[in-house]
Amino acid sequence: MIQNIPNIKHTDSGNFFLLAGPCVVESEENVFHIAEKVKEITDKLKIPYVFKASYRKANRSRLDSFTGIGDIKALNILNKVREQLQIPVVTDIHTEQEAVLAAQYADILQIPAFLCRQTSLLVAAAKTGKIVNIKKGQFLAPGSMKFAVDKVLESGNKNIMITDRGTMFGYQDMIIDYRGIPEMQEFGYPVILDITHSLQQPNQSSGVTGGKPELIEIVARAGIAVGVDGIFIETHPDPANAKSDGANMLHLNHLEKLLYNLVEIRKTINKL
């Protein structure tokens, strides 16, 4: 199915595919710096790559949290990435109106985990004809994602991806149940493991989400070992000063080594 993504490269490499970029569009300079670096790395390692950035963040704990630089300004930056770097783009949507708007600028529309049961949003995304990436709710069993998939499918769109981003463990932690990956793959669509969001520590008393970025490679290795189709990583050249989700992001300087190690694991798995 990933062969249907416009401008996707290296689909015959046997590698997992990658969705990666900053959490949110902060500036054109920041976006292009990250996109160009990740493109360089993925071309070198023959990894199919989709650039990820939210043009607006709607799910914020506090009213004063950064939400974006303006919808059209951010979407235009994403479109420049598509056109100038010739790589596909994925971005989040939150309402039916956003689905129609973002479809003009992105190749994949992503349904946030908290909204994966929102019928009107899933139907609107499906009707754009774009690929729809549905993130599994932190509150859902893997098998329950079939109903979200069916909403898109029954709305006339077979271009579907599913992303696991961890499951709530108590009030302030997440765990990953790797058994859910093959279970969701049985639906017949690519399954992605969101590495960095699975390491969030939500609901902190400060109102700012924490994280465990030191576990990124461990989680990613396990995902590749169990046969996930794609991985999702938020990365930034300065996570400590990122506008959103900096606590669980991967530093851009560490991405190449991580991906190299994952490609080597994938090669071993493919030989089994």
C-alpha atoms as a PDB file:
ATOM      1  CA  MET A   1       0.000   0.000   0.000  1.00  0.00           C
ATOM      2  CA  ILE A   2       2.866   2.418   0.661  1.00  0.00           C
ATOM      3  CA  GLN A   3       3.628   2.292  -3.067  1.00  0.00           C
ATOM      4  CA  ASN A   4       0.493   4.439  -3.473  1.00  0.00           C
ATOM      5  CA  ILE A   5       2.027   7.332  -1.525  1.00  0.00           C
ATOM      6  CA  PRO A   6       3.060  10.110  -3.943  1.00  0.00           C
ATOM      7  CA  ASN A   7       6.838  10.582  -4.262  1.00  0.00           C
ATOM      8  CA  ILE A   8       7.641   7.711  -1.886  1.00  0.00           C
ATOM      9  CA  LYS A   9      11.057   6.211  -2.650  1.00  0.00           C
ATOM     10  CA  HIS A  10      12.966   2.996  -1.861  1.00  0.00           C
ATOM     11  CA  THR A  11       9.823   0.861  -1.653  1.00  0.00           C
ATOM     12  CA  ASP A  12      11.714  -2.114  -3.106  1.00  0.00           C
ATOM     13  CA  SER A  13      14.438  -2.027  -0.429  1.00  0.00           C
ATOM     14  CA  GLY A  14      12.741  -4.431   1.973  1.00  0.00           C
ATOM     15  CA  ASN A  15      13.034  -1.845   4.739  1.00  0.00           C
ATOM     16  CA  PHE A  16      10.388  -0.526   7.102  1.00  0.00           C
ATOM     17  CA  PHE A  17       9.065   2.912   6.158  1.00  0.00           C
ATOM     18  CA  LEU A  18       9.536   6.018   8.289  1.00  0.00           C
ATOM     19  CA  LEU A  19       7.291   8.901   9.313  1.00  0.00           C
ATOM     20  CA  ALA A  20       9.519  11.507  10.946  1.00  0.00           C
ATOM     21  CA  GLY A  21       9.829  15.206  11.621  1.00  0.00           C
ATOM     22  CA  PRO A  22       9.118  17.774  14.322  1.00  0.00           C
ATOM     23  CA  CYS A  23       5.960  17.658  16.407  1.00  0.00           C
ATOM     24  CA  VAL A  24       4.673  20.915  14.949  1.00  0.00           C
ATOM     25  CA  VAL A  25       5.633  23.418  12.260  1.00  0.00           C
ATOM     26  CA  GLU A  26       7.680  26.019  14.147  1.00  0.00           C
ATOM     27  CA  SER A  27       9.185  27.886  11.184  1.00  0.00           C
ATOM     28  CA  GLU A  28      10.130  27.287   7.558  1.00  0.00           C
ATOM     29  CA  GLU A  29      13.815  27.210   8.466  1.00  0.00           C
ATOM     30  CA  ASN A  30      13.290  24.575  11.168  1.00  0.00           C
ATOM     31  CA  VAL A  31      11.083  22.396   8.959  1.00  0.00           C
ATOM     32  CA  PHE A  32      13.462  22.406   5.999  1.00  0.00           C
ATOM     33  CA  HIS A  33      16.499  21.790   8.181  1.00  0.00           C
ATOM     34  CA  ILE A  34      14.891  18.658   9.612  1.00  0.00           C
ATOM     35  CA  ALA A  35      13.322  17.454   6.358  1.00  0.00           C
ATOM     36  CA  GLU A  36      16.548  17.820   4.380  1.00  0.00           C
ATOM     37  CA  LYS A  37      18.584  15.991   7.020  1.00  0.00           C
ATOM     38  CA  VAL A  38      16.139  13.100   7.354  1.00  0.00           C
ATOM     39  CA  LYS A  39      15.831  12.815   3.564  1.00  0.00           C
ATOM     40  CA  GLU A  40      19.620  12.620   3.287  1.00  0.00           C
ATOM     41  CA  ILE A  41      19.780   9.854   5.903  1.00  0.00           C
ATOM     42  CA  THR A  42      16.884   7.827   4.494  1.00  0.00           C
ATOM     43  CA  ASP A  43      18.204   8.061   0.937  1.00  0.00           C
ATOM     44  CA  LYS A  44      21.550   6.752   2.204  1.00  0.00           C
ATOM     45  CA  LEU A  45      19.902   3.849   4.054  1.00  0.00           C
ATOM     46  CA  LYS A  46      17.200   3.201   1.409  1.00  0.00           C
ATOM     47  CA  ILE A  47      14.312   3.795   3.803  1.00  0.00           C
ATOM     48  CA  PRO A  48      10.945   4.947   2.378  1.00  0.00           C
ATOM     49  CA  TYR A  49      10.334   8.323   4.022  1.00  0.00           C
ATOM     50  CA  VAL A  50       7.317  10.527   4.781  1.00  0.00           C
ATOM     51  CA  PHE A  51       7.894  13.923   6.413  1.00  0.00           C
ATOM     52  CA  LYS A  52       5.717  14.498   9.480  1.00  0.00           C
ATOM     53  CA  ALA A  53       4.706  17.758  11.140  1.00  0.00           C
ATOM     54  CA  SER A  54       1.437  19.013  12.577  1.00  0.00           C
ATOM     55  CA  TYR A  55       0.346  22.315  11.090  1.00  0.00           C
ATOM     56  CA  ARG A  56      -1.603  22.977  14.281  1.00  0.00           C
ATOM     57  CA  LYS A  57      -1.706  21.321  17.703  1.00  0.00           C
ATOM     58  CA  ALA A  58      -5.212  21.077  19.138  1.00  0.00           C
ATOM     59  CA  ASN A  59      -4.567  18.673  22.013  1.00  0.00           C
ATOM     60  CA  ARG A  60      -2.760  20.806  24.595  1.00  0.00           C
ATOM     61  CA  SER A  61      -2.910  20.502  28.370  1.00  0.00           C
ATOM     62  CA  ARG A  62      -2.707  24.246  29.019  1.00  0.00           C
ATOM     63  CA  LEU A  63      -4.251  27.236  27.305  1.00  0.00           C
ATOM     64  CA  ASP A  64      -0.860  28.939  27.020  1.00  0.00           C
ATOM     65  CA  SER A  65       0.782  25.979  25.230  1.00  0.00           C
ATOM     66  CA  PHE A  66       2.064  26.587  21.688  1.00  0.00           C
ATOM     67  CA  THR A  67      -0.451  25.540  19.030  1.00  0.00           C
ATOM     68  CA  GLY A  68       1.070  26.802  15.782  1.00  0.00           C
ATOM     69  CA  ILE A  69       2.196  29.678  13.581  1.00  0.00           C
ATOM     70  CA  GLY A  70      -1.101  29.948  11.687  1.00  0.00           C
ATOM     71  CA  ASP A  71      -2.842  27.258   9.665  1.00  0.00           C
ATOM     72  CA  ILE A  72      -2.319  28.483   6.114  1.00  0.00           C
ATOM     73  CA  LYS A  73       1.239  29.629   6.787  1.00  0.00           C
ATOM     74  CA  ALA A  74       2.134  26.218   8.212  1.00  0.00           C
ATOM     75  CA  LEU A  75       0.332  24.291   5.472  1.00  0.00           C
ATOM     76  CA  ASN A  76       2.145  26.292   2.806  1.00  0.00           C
ATOM     77  CA  ILE A  77       5.461  25.333   4.402  1.00  0.00           C
ATOM     78  CA  LEU A  78       4.457  21.663   4.295  1.00  0.00           C
ATOM     79  CA  ASN A  79       3.521  22.033   0.645  1.00  0.00           C
ATOM     80  CA  LYS A  80       6.941  23.553  -0.081  1.00  0.00           C
ATOM     81  CA  VAL A  81       8.543  20.465   1.443  1.00  0.00           C
ATOM     82  CA  ARG A  82       6.474  18.264  -0.876  1.00  0.00           C
ATOM     83  CA  GLU A  83       7.308  20.273  -3.969  1.00  0.00           C
ATOM     84  CA  GLN A  84      10.922  21.258  -3.376  1.00  0.00           C
ATOM     85  CA  LEU A  85      12.217  18.091  -1.719  1.00  0.00           C
ATOM     86  CA  GLN A  86       9.867  15.729  -3.572  1.00  0.00           C
ATOM     87  CA  ILE A  87       8.898  13.814  -0.433  1.00  0.00           C
ATOM     88  CA  PRO A  88       5.397  12.990   0.841  1.00  0.00           C
ATOM     89  CA  VAL A  89       3.921  14.729   3.873  1.00  0.00           C
ATOM     90  CA  VAL A  90       1.635  13.639   6.725  1.00  0.00           C
ATOM     91  CA  THR A  91      -0.154  16.023   9.082  1.00  0.00           C
ATOM     92  CA  ASP A  92      -2.841  15.803  11.782  1.00  0.00           C
ATOM     93  CA  ILE A  93      -6.445  16.897  11.423  1.00  0.00           C
ATOM     94  CA  HIS A  94      -9.043  17.459  14.135  1.00  0.00           C
ATOM     95  CA  THR A  95     -12.324  18.401  12.412  1.00  0.00           C
ATOM     96  CA  GLU A  96     -14.197  17.664   9.196  1.00  0.00           C
ATOM     97  CA  GLN A  97     -13.339  21.135   7.896  1.00  0.00           C
ATOM     98  CA  GLU A  98      -9.648  20.554   8.562  1.00  0.00           C
ATOM     99  CA  ALA A  99      -9.780  17.335   6.540  1.00  0.00           C
ATOM    100  CA  VAL A 100     -10.873  19.212   3.443  1.00  0.00           C
ATOM    101  CA  LEU A 101      -8.303  21.972   4.009  1.00  0.00           C
ATOM    102  CA  ALA A 102      -5.290  19.802   4.835  1.00  0.00           C
ATOM    103  CA  ALA A 103      -5.979  17.431   1.934  1.00  0.00           C
ATOM    104  CA  GLN A 104      -4.912  20.231  -0.402  1.00  0.00           C
ATOM    105  CA  TYR A 105      -1.426  20.317   1.147  1.00  0.00           C
ATOM    106  CA  ALA A 106      -0.650  16.816   2.483  1.00  0.00           C
ATOM    107  CA  ASP A 107      -0.486  13.275   1.131  1.00  0.00           C
ATOM    108  CA  ILE A 108      -1.574  11.505   4.329  1.00  0.00           C
ATOM    109  CA  LEU A 109      -4.151  12.732   6.832  1.00  0.00           C
ATOM    110  CA  GLN A 110      -3.492  11.593  10.389  1.00  0.00           C
ATOM    111  CA  ILE A 111      -6.265  11.026  12.906  1.00  0.00           C
ATOM    112  CA  PRO A 112      -5.015  11.788  16.440  1.00  0.00           C
ATOM    113  CA  ALA A 113      -5.325   8.977  18.976  1.00  0.00           C
ATOM    114  CA  PHE A 114      -7.859  10.824  21.129  1.00  0.00           C
ATOM    115  CA  LEU A 115     -10.101  11.211  18.045  1.00  0.00           C
ATOM    116  CA  CYS A 116      -9.850   7.715  16.573  1.00  0.00           C
ATOM    117  CA  ARG A 117     -13.508   6.982  17.388  1.00  0.00           C
ATOM    118  CA  GLN A 118     -14.771  10.307  16.018  1.00  0.00           C
ATOM    119  CA  THR A 119     -17.016   9.045  13.231  1.00  0.00           C
ATOM    120  CA  SER A 120     -17.557  12.342  11.414  1.00  0.00           C
ATOM    121  CA  LEU A 121     -13.798  12.992  11.319  1.00  0.00           C
ATOM    122  CA  LEU A 122     -12.973   9.528   9.974  1.00  0.00           C
ATOM    123  CA  VAL A 123     -15.658   9.813   7.299  1.00  0.00           C
ATOM    124  CA  ALA A 124     -14.498  13.300   6.256  1.00  0.00           C
ATOM    125  CA  ALA A 125     -10.886  12.136   6.017  1.00  0.00           C
ATOM    126  CA  ALA A 126     -11.924   9.109   3.982  1.00  0.00           C
ATOM    127  CA  LYS A 127     -13.927  11.189   1.522  1.00  0.00           C
ATOM    128  CA  THR A 128     -10.897  13.318   0.623  1.00  0.00           C
ATOM    129  CA  GLY A 129      -9.423  10.247  -1.063  1.00  0.00           C
ATOM    130  CA  LYS A 130      -6.144  10.744   0.783  1.00  0.00           C
ATOM    131  CA  ILE A 131      -4.370   8.008   2.725  1.00  0.00           C
ATOM    132  CA  VAL A 132      -5.742   8.015   6.280  1.00  0.00           C
ATOM    133  CA  ASN A 133      -3.397   7.142   9.154  1.00  0.00           C
ATOM    134  CA  ILE A 134      -5.456   6.314  12.251  1.00  0.00           C
ATOM    135  CA  LYS A 135      -3.607   6.428  15.562  1.00  0.00           C
ATOM    136  CA  LYS A 136      -4.813   3.897  18.114  1.00  0.00           C
ATOM    137  CA  GLY A 137      -6.364   5.497  21.152  1.00  0.00           C
ATOM    138  CA  GLN A 138      -4.430   5.084  24.379  1.00  0.00           C
ATOM    139  CA  PHE A 139      -7.702   3.737  25.786  1.00  0.00           C
ATOM    140  CA  LEU A 140      -8.400   1.103  23.101  1.00  0.00           C
ATOM    141  CA  ALA A 141      -7.523  -2.552  22.725  1.00  0.00           C
ATOM    142  CA  PRO A 142      -5.765  -3.303  19.420  1.00  0.00           C
ATOM    143  CA  GLY A 143      -8.712  -5.368  18.192  1.00  0.00           C
ATOM    144  CA  SER A 144     -11.067  -2.436  18.660  1.00  0.00           C
ATOM    145  CA  MET A 145      -9.227  -0.511  15.943  1.00  0.00           C
ATOM    146  CA  LYS A 146     -11.058  -2.636  13.392  1.00  0.00           C
ATOM    147  CA  PHE A 147     -14.134  -0.465  13.889  1.00  0.00           C
ATOM    148  CA  ALA A 148     -12.183   2.724  13.132  1.00  0.00           C
ATOM    149  CA  VAL A 149     -10.736   1.065  10.034  1.00  0.00           C
ATOM    150  CA  ASP A 150     -14.203  -0.049   8.931  1.00  0.00           C
ATOM    151  CA  LYS A 151     -15.520   3.525   9.135  1.00  0.00           C
ATOM    152  CA  VAL A 152     -12.928   4.665   6.611  1.00  0.00           C
ATOM    153  CA  LEU A 153     -13.334   1.592   4.446  1.00  0.00           C
ATOM    154  CA  GLU A 154     -17.136   1.831   4.385  1.00  0.00           C
ATOM    155  CA  SER A 155     -16.819   5.492   3.396  1.00  0.00           C
ATOM    156  CA  GLY A 156     -15.168   4.396   0.159  1.00  0.00           C
ATOM    157  CA  ASN A 157     -11.463   4.677   0.993  1.00  0.00           C
ATOM    158  CA  LYS A 158      -9.136   1.653   1.111  1.00  0.00           C
ATOM    159  CA  ASN A 159      -5.979   3.712   1.679  1.00  0.00           C
ATOM    160  CA  ILE A 160      -5.551   3.133   5.411  1.00  0.00           C
ATOM    161  CA  MET A 161      -2.701   2.932   7.909  1.00  0.00           C
ATOM    162  CA  ILE A 162      -2.838   2.205  11.637  1.00  0.00           C
ATOM    163  CA  THR A 163      -0.421   3.593  14.214  1.00  0.00           C
ATOM    164  CA  ASP A 164       0.098   2.253  17.725  1.00  0.00           C
ATOM    165  CA  ARG A 165       1.245   4.973  20.150  1.00  0.00           C
ATOM    166  CA  GLY A 166       1.130   3.083  23.417  1.00  0.00           C
ATOM    167  CA  THR A 167      -1.561   2.395  25.999  1.00  0.00           C
ATOM    168  CA  MET A 168      -2.222   4.227  29.254  1.00  0.00           C
ATOM    169  CA  PHE A 169      -0.608   2.592  32.277  1.00  0.00           C
ATOM    170  CA  GLY A 170      -1.999   4.303  35.340  1.00  0.00           C
ATOM    171  CA  TYR A 171      -2.435   8.051  35.123  1.00  0.00           C
ATOM    172  CA  GLN A 172       1.030   9.228  34.082  1.00  0.00           C
ATOM    173  CA  ASP A 173       2.711   6.546  32.018  1.00  0.00           C
ATOM    174  CA  MET A 174       2.392   4.527  28.803  1.00  0.00           C
ATOM    175  CA  ILE A 175       3.245   0.949  27.879  1.00  0.00           C
ATOM    176  CA  ILE A 176       3.490  -0.812  24.517  1.00  0.00           C
ATOM    177  CA  ASP A 177       1.813  -4.169  24.056  1.00  0.00           C
ATOM    178  CA  TYR A 178       3.725  -5.592  21.104  1.00  0.00           C
ATOM    179  CA  ARG A 179       1.123  -8.341  20.731  1.00  0.00           C
ATOM    180  CA  GLY A 180      -1.130  -5.674  19.233  1.00  0.00           C
ATOM    181  CA  ILE A 181       1.071  -5.176  16.174  1.00  0.00           C
ATOM    182  CA  PRO A 182       0.423  -8.561  14.524  1.00  0.00           C
ATOM    183  CA  GLU A 183      -3.178  -8.417  15.723  1.00  0.00           C
ATOM    184  CA  MET A 184      -3.776  -5.132  13.870  1.00  0.00           C
ATOM    185  CA  GLN A 185      -1.791  -6.328  10.834  1.00  0.00           C
ATOM    186  CA  GLU A 186      -4.465  -8.990  10.407  1.00  0.00           C
ATOM    187  CA  PHE A 187      -6.835  -6.209   9.291  1.00  0.00           C
ATOM    188  CA  GLY A 188      -4.808  -6.053   6.069  1.00  0.00           C
ATOM    189  CA  TYR A 189      -3.255  -2.589   6.351  1.00  0.00           C
ATOM    190  CA  PRO A 190       0.224  -1.314   7.274  1.00  0.00           C
ATOM    191  CA  VAL A 191       0.851  -0.942  11.009  1.00  0.00           C
ATOM    192  CA  ILE A 192       3.206   1.745  12.301  1.00  0.00           C
ATOM    193  CA  LEU A 193       4.759   2.009  15.758  1.00  0.00           C
ATOM    194  CA  ASP A 194       4.958   5.552  17.099  1.00  0.00           C
ATOM    195  CA  ILE A 195       8.176   5.337  19.075  1.00  0.00           C
ATOM    196  CA  THR A 196       8.380   8.758  20.669  1.00  0.00           C
ATOM    197  CA  HIS A 197       4.742   9.266  21.699  1.00  0.00           C
ATOM    198  CA  SER A 198       4.743   5.808  23.266  1.00  0.00           C
ATOM    199  CA  LEU A 199       7.386   7.143  25.648  1.00  0.00           C
ATOM    200  CA  GLN A 200       5.350  10.100  26.830  1.00  0.00           C
ATOM    201  CA  GLN A 201       4.497  10.630  30.484  1.00  0.00           C
ATOM    202  CA  PRO A 202       1.204  12.547  30.267  1.00  0.00           C
ATOM    203  CA  ASN A 203      -0.809  14.362  32.920  1.00  0.00           C
ATOM    204  CA  GLN A 204       2.134  15.817  34.792  1.00  0.00           C
ATOM    205  CA  SER A 205       1.325  18.298  37.550  1.00  0.00           C
ATOM    206  CA  SER A 206       3.029  21.078  35.566  1.00  0.00           C
ATOM    207  CA  GLY A 207       0.591  20.642  32.677  1.00  0.00           C
ATOM    208  CA  VAL A 208       3.536  19.813  30.382  1.00  0.00           C
ATOM    209  CA  THR A 209       3.935  16.217  29.188  1.00  0.00           C
ATOM    210  CA  GLY A 210       7.104  14.408  30.232  1.00  0.00           C
ATOM    211  CA  GLY A 211       8.896  11.563  28.497  1.00  0.00           C
ATOM    212  CA  LYS A 212      11.644   8.929  28.443  1.00  0.00           C
ATOM    213  CA  PRO A 213      13.675   9.594  25.278  1.00  0.00           C
ATOM    214  CA  GLU A 214      16.517   7.419  26.585  1.00  0.00           C
ATOM    215  CA  LEU A 215      14.327   4.398  25.742  1.00  0.00           C
ATOM    216  CA  ILE A 216      13.730   5.336  22.085  1.00  0.00           C
ATOM    217  CA  GLU A 217      16.195   2.819  20.663  1.00  0.00           C
ATOM    218  CA  ILE A 218      14.989  -0.003  22.907  1.00  0.00           C
ATOM    219  CA  VAL A 219      11.370   0.517  21.881  1.00  0.00           C
ATOM    220  CA  ALA A 220      12.282   0.903  18.207  1.00  0.00           C
ATOM    221  CA  ARG A 221      14.402  -2.252  18.159  1.00  0.00           C
ATOM    222  CA  ALA A 222      11.579  -4.251  19.689  1.00  0.00           C
ATOM    223  CA  GLY A 223       9.118  -2.894  17.128  1.00  0.00           C
ATOM    224  CA  ILE A 224      11.316  -3.871  14.200  1.00  0.00           C
ATOM    225  CA  ALA A 225      11.931  -7.297  15.777  1.00  0.00           C
ATOM    226  CA  VAL A 226       8.202  -8.075  15.913  1.00  0.00           C
ATOM    227  CA  GLY A 227       7.751  -7.028  12.284  1.00  0.00           C
ATOM    228  CA  VAL A 228       6.128  -3.606  12.332  1.00  0.00           C
ATOM    229  CA  ASP A 229       5.637  -2.158   8.830  1.00  0.00           C
ATOM    230  CA  GLY A 230       6.671   1.391   9.662  1.00  0.00           C
ATOM    231  CA  ILE A 231       7.950   3.547  12.491  1.00  0.00           C
ATOM    232  CA  PHE A 232       7.054   7.062  13.567  1.00  0.00           C
ATOM    233  CA  ILE A 233       9.648   9.272  15.256  1.00  0.00           C
ATOM    234  CA  GLU A 234       9.476  12.928  16.206  1.00  0.00           C
ATOM    235  CA  THR A 235      12.904  14.507  15.912  1.00  0.00           C
ATOM    236  CA  HIS A 236      14.326  17.983  16.422  1.00  0.00           C
ATOM    237  CA  PRO A 237      17.771  19.647  16.387  1.00  0.00           C
ATOM    238  CA  ASP A 238      17.126  21.093  19.863  1.00  0.00           C
ATOM    239  CA  PRO A 239      14.480  19.054  21.731  1.00  0.00           C
ATOM    240  CA  ALA A 240      14.918  21.028  24.949  1.00  0.00           C
ATOM    241  CA  ASN A 241      13.639  24.130  23.161  1.00  0.00           C
ATOM    242  CA  ALA A 242      11.095  22.497  20.846  1.00  0.00           C
ATOM    243  CA  LYS A 243       7.672  24.157  20.879  1.00  0.00           C
ATOM    244  CA  SER A 244       5.851  20.883  21.540  1.00  0.00           C
ATOM    245  CA  ASP A 245       6.660  17.387  22.874  1.00  0.00           C
ATOM    246  CA  GLY A 246      10.348  18.135  23.365  1.00  0.00           C
ATOM    247  CA  ALA A 247      10.515  15.843  26.411  1.00  0.00           C
ATOM    248  CA  ASN A 248      10.128  12.685  24.335  1.00  0.00           C
ATOM    249  CA  MET A 249      11.721  13.689  21.009  1.00  0.00           C
ATOM    250  CA  LEU A 250      14.856  12.207  19.484  1.00  0.00           C
ATOM    251  CA  HIS A 251      17.728  14.622  18.899  1.00  0.00           C
ATOM    252  CA  LEU A 252      18.258  14.935  15.154  1.00  0.00           C
ATOM    253  CA  ASN A 253      21.960  14.170  15.567  1.00  0.00           C
ATOM    254  CA  HIS A 254      21.113  10.688  16.882  1.00  0.00           C
ATOM    255  CA  LEU A 255      18.728   9.692  14.088  1.00  0.00           C
ATOM    256  CA  GLU A 256      21.206   8.240  11.592  1.00  0.00           C
ATOM    257  CA  LYS A 257      22.797   5.820  14.044  1.00  0.00           C
ATOM    258  CA  LEU A 258      19.383   4.680  15.266  1.00  0.00           C
ATOM    259  CA  LEU A 259      18.071   4.068  11.751  1.00  0.00           C
ATOM    260  CA  TYR A 260      21.258   2.253  10.736  1.00  0.00           C
ATOM    261  CA  ASN A 261      20.847  -0.120  13.687  1.00  0.00           C
ATOM    262  CA  LEU A 262      17.182  -0.688  12.859  1.00  0.00           C
ATOM    263  CA  VAL A 263      17.993  -1.443   9.217  1.00  0.00           C
ATOM    264  CA  GLU A 264      20.501  -4.066  10.379  1.00  0.00           C
ATOM    265  CA  ILE A 265      17.866  -5.671  12.600  1.00  0.00           C
ATOM    266  CA  ARG A 266      15.409  -5.629   9.708  1.00  0.00           C
ATOM    267  CA  LYS A 267      17.942  -7.412   7.476  1.00  0.00           C
ATOM    268  CA  THR A 268      18.288 -10.135  10.083  1.00  0.00           C
ATOM    269  CA  ILE A 269      14.526 -10.491  10.464  1.00  0.00           C
ATOM    270  CA  ASN A 270      14.081 -10.734   6.676  1.00  0.00           C
ATOM    271  CA  LYS A 271      16.500 -13.679   6.588  1.00  0.00           C
ATOM    272  CA  LEU A 272      14.531 -15.704   9.120  1.00  0.00           C
END
